[in-house]
Amino acid sequence: MKRVALGRYIVVDPKICHGKVTFRGTRVFVSDVLEQVATGMDWDAISAEWNGSVSKAAIAEAVRLASEALFAYKDELVKDGARA
């Protein structure tokens, strides 16, 4: 597997964090930031928590990509008995 850019700010690189989805130029997991968003944390506070290495634009891209993935795979999630 080689480095894949999933967007302007989000990458998967087997040489960084064992290929987990991270923000470009960081070792910050996109999943960690999405969890912060899900808890209702303010985006400015999220960015500050990561010392400014994750911008609000990067957070917005993560939310957009997560939303697109949810709707792209919704039929499979429903078929596999995803929780309501």
Protein backbone atom coordinates (compact mmCIF):
# COMPACT_ATOMS: atom_id res chain seq x y z
CA MET A 1 0.00 0.00 0.00
CA LYS A 2 1.22 3.49 -0.74
CA ARG A 3 0.23 6.91 0.57
CA VAL A 4 -3.27 7.94 -0.48
CA ALA A 5 -4.69 11.44 -0.16
CA LEU A 6 -8.36 11.21 0.75
CA GLY A 7 -8.74 14.97 0.54
CA ARG A 8 -6.73 18.13 0.93
CA TYR A 9 -6.12 17.53 4.64
CA ILE A 10 -6.60 13.79 5.15
CA VAL A 11 -4.23 10.98 4.19
CA VAL A 12 -3.57 7.29 4.69
CA ASP A 13 0.13 6.44 4.73
CA PRO A 14 1.43 3.02 5.77
CA LYS A 15 4.57 4.75 7.10
CA ILE A 16 2.56 6.98 9.46
CA CYS A 17 0.63 5.56 12.41
CA HIS A 18 0.47 2.09 10.85
CA GLY A 19 -1.71 3.32 7.98
CA LYS A 20 -4.44 4.86 10.13
CA VAL A 21 -6.32 7.80 8.64
CA THR A 22 -4.57 10.98 9.80
CA PHE A 23 -4.45 14.67 9.05
CA ARG A 24 -1.71 15.54 6.56
CA GLY A 25 1.58 16.42 8.24
CA THR A 26 0.46 15.15 11.66
CA ARG A 27 0.01 11.97 13.65
CA VAL A 28 -3.48 13.04 14.66
CA PHE A 29 -6.07 10.37 13.96
CA VAL A 30 -9.14 11.57 12.09
CA SER A 31 -11.19 9.20 14.26
CA ASP A 32 -10.08 11.07 17.41
CA VAL A 33 -11.17 14.41 15.97
CA LEU A 34 -14.49 12.99 14.73
CA GLU A 35 -15.11 11.68 18.24
CA GLN A 36 -14.53 15.18 19.61
CA VAL A 37 -16.96 16.59 17.05
CA ALA A 38 -19.52 13.93 18.00
CA THR A 39 -19.34 14.96 21.66
CA GLY A 40 -20.21 18.52 20.64
CA MET A 41 -16.78 20.02 21.24
CA ASP A 42 -16.33 23.43 19.63
CA TRP A 43 -14.16 23.28 16.52
CA ASP A 44 -11.94 26.10 17.77
CA ALA A 45 -11.37 24.10 20.97
CA ILE A 46 -10.57 20.98 18.94
CA SER A 47 -8.02 22.87 16.90
CA ALA A 48 -6.51 24.33 20.07
CA GLU A 49 -6.35 20.88 21.68
CA TRP A 50 -4.15 19.73 18.79
CA ASN A 51 -1.98 22.89 19.05
CA GLY A 52 -3.39 24.30 15.82
CA SER A 53 -2.17 21.36 13.72
CA VAL A 54 -5.78 20.53 12.79
CA SER A 55 -7.56 23.50 11.24
CA LYS A 56 -11.31 24.08 11.14
CA ALA A 57 -11.12 23.45 7.38
CA ALA A 58 -9.50 20.06 8.07
CA ILE A 59 -12.22 19.23 10.59
CA ALA A 60 -14.89 20.20 8.07
CA GLU A 61 -13.28 17.92 5.49
CA ALA A 62 -13.27 15.02 7.97
CA VAL A 63 -16.95 15.55 8.75
CA ARG A 64 -17.80 15.79 5.04
CA LEU A 65 -15.90 12.61 4.17
CA ALA A 66 -17.46 10.73 7.09
CA SER A 67 -20.90 11.85 5.97
CA GLU A 68 -20.24 10.79 2.38
CA ALA A 69 -19.00 7.38 3.56
CA LEU A 70 -22.07 6.90 5.75
CA PHE A 71 -24.45 7.55 2.87
CA ALA A 72 -22.35 5.57 0.38
CA TYR A 73 -22.49 2.47 2.60
CA LYS A 74 -25.87 2.93 4.29
CA ASP A 75 -27.50 0.04 2.43
CA GLU A 76 -24.76 -2.34 3.54
CA LEU A 77 -24.98 -1.08 7.12
CA VAL A 78 -28.73 -1.65 7.17
CA LYS A 79 -28.39 -5.07 5.52
CA ASP A 80 -25.76 -6.14 8.07
CA GLY A 81 -28.08 -5.18 10.93
CA ALA A 82 -26.47 -1.94 12.06
CA ARG A 83 -27.83 -0.54 15.30
CA ALA A 84 -30.73 1.87 15.10
